[in-house]
Protein backbone atom coordinates (compact mmCIF):
# COMPACT_ATOMS: atom_id res chain seq x y z
CA UNK A 1 10.07 2.57 10.92
CA UNK A 2 8.89 4.76 8.44
CA UNK A 3 7.50 8.43 9.48
CA UNK A 4 5.66 10.14 6.33
CA UNK A 5 6.13 13.57 6.38
CA UNK A 6 3.70 15.95 4.12
CA UNK A 7 3.34 14.97 0.45
CA UNK A 8 3.13 12.38 -1.49
CA UNK A 9 5.57 9.67 -0.89
CA UNK A 10 6.92 6.87 -2.97
CA UNK A 11 7.37 3.85 -0.90
CA UNK A 12 9.64 1.80 -3.01
CA UNK A 13 12.07 4.74 -2.80
CA UNK A 14 11.33 5.35 0.56
CA UNK A 15 12.56 1.59 1.96
CA UNK A 16 14.34 1.23 -0.81
CA UNK A 17 12.34 -1.52 -2.06
CA UNK A 18 12.13 -1.62 -5.82
CA UNK A 19 9.12 -3.89 -5.86
CA UNK A 20 6.72 -1.30 -4.00
CA UNK A 21 7.90 1.32 -6.50
CA UNK A 22 5.00 3.16 -7.44
CA UNK A 23 2.85 2.56 -4.19
CA UNK A 24 2.50 6.00 -2.74
CA UNK A 25 0.63 7.33 -0.11
CA UNK A 26 0.02 10.68 1.60
CA UNK A 27 -0.51 11.48 5.13
CA UNK A 28 -3.84 12.98 5.97
CA UNK A 29 -4.78 13.64 9.51
CA UNK A 30 -4.16 10.84 11.88
CA UNK A 31 -4.45 8.37 8.70
CA UNK A 32 -2.30 7.43 5.40
CA UNK A 33 -3.74 8.05 2.32
CA UNK A 34 -3.48 5.49 -0.56
CA UNK A 35 -2.51 7.76 -3.59
CA UNK A 36 -1.26 5.46 -5.81
CA UNK A 37 -1.11 1.58 -6.74
CA UNK A 38 1.52 -0.03 -9.52
CA UNK A 39 -0.33 -2.07 -11.92
CA UNK A 40 -0.19 -5.88 -10.46
CA UNK A 41 0.00 -4.98 -6.58
CA UNK A 42 -2.94 -5.21 -4.28
CA UNK A 43 -3.56 -4.06 -1.16
CA UNK A 44 -6.55 -5.45 1.06
CA UNK A 45 -8.16 -4.74 4.22
CA UNK A 46 -7.80 -8.26 6.30
CA UNK A 47 -10.52 -10.27 5.78
CA UNK A 48 -11.66 -8.59 2.31
CA UNK A 49 -11.31 -9.78 -0.93
CA UNK A 50 -11.75 -6.38 -2.45
CA UNK A 51 -7.78 -4.75 -3.37
CA UNK A 52 -8.34 -0.85 -2.16
CA UNK A 53 -7.97 1.64 -4.77
CA UNK A 54 -6.35 5.44 -4.97
CA UNK A 55 -8.55 7.58 -2.90
CA UNK A 56 -9.27 5.33 0.12
CA UNK A 57 -7.22 5.45 3.46
CA UNK A 58 -5.16 2.45 4.61
CA UNK A 59 -6.10 0.45 7.71
CA UNK A 60 -4.60 1.12 11.02
CA UNK A 61 -4.40 -2.80 11.05
CA UNK A 62 -1.84 -5.14 9.03
CA UNK A 63 -2.33 -5.16 5.22
CA UNK A 64 -2.04 -7.34 3.05
CA UNK A 65 0.32 -7.14 0.11
CA UNK A 66 -0.58 -9.27 -2.99
CA UNK A 67 1.55 -9.13 -6.36
CA UNK A 68 0.36 -10.37 -9.29
CA UNK A 69 -2.67 -10.81 -10.64
CA UNK A 70 -5.81 -12.66 -8.48
CA UNK A 71 -5.86 -13.80 -4.98
CA UNK A 72 -3.72 -16.42 -5.07
CA UNK A 73 -0.05 -15.08 -5.47
CA UNK A 74 0.36 -13.69 -2.38
CA UNK A 75 3.35 -11.02 -2.04
CA UNK A 76 5.66 -10.19 0.71
CA UNK A 77 2.70 -9.80 3.96
CA UNK A 78 1.21 -7.98 6.21
CA UNK A 79 3.11 -4.00 6.38
């Protein structure tokens, strides 16, 4: 489990996961706000094909991570 307190958190650093380096979040009330997504990493809401962009809230349901270009190369799976 990861507890995100105030400020911007780089998930790659926090989880010691180089593949997530540059994926930055910040808490906003009871939600997590997506601050930055590194090139080549895509986050999608379940059932949607459009990647989430900085400035949007992460859904409270598991979110698919895709690494690479296009939806055909799936990454490590839901987070």
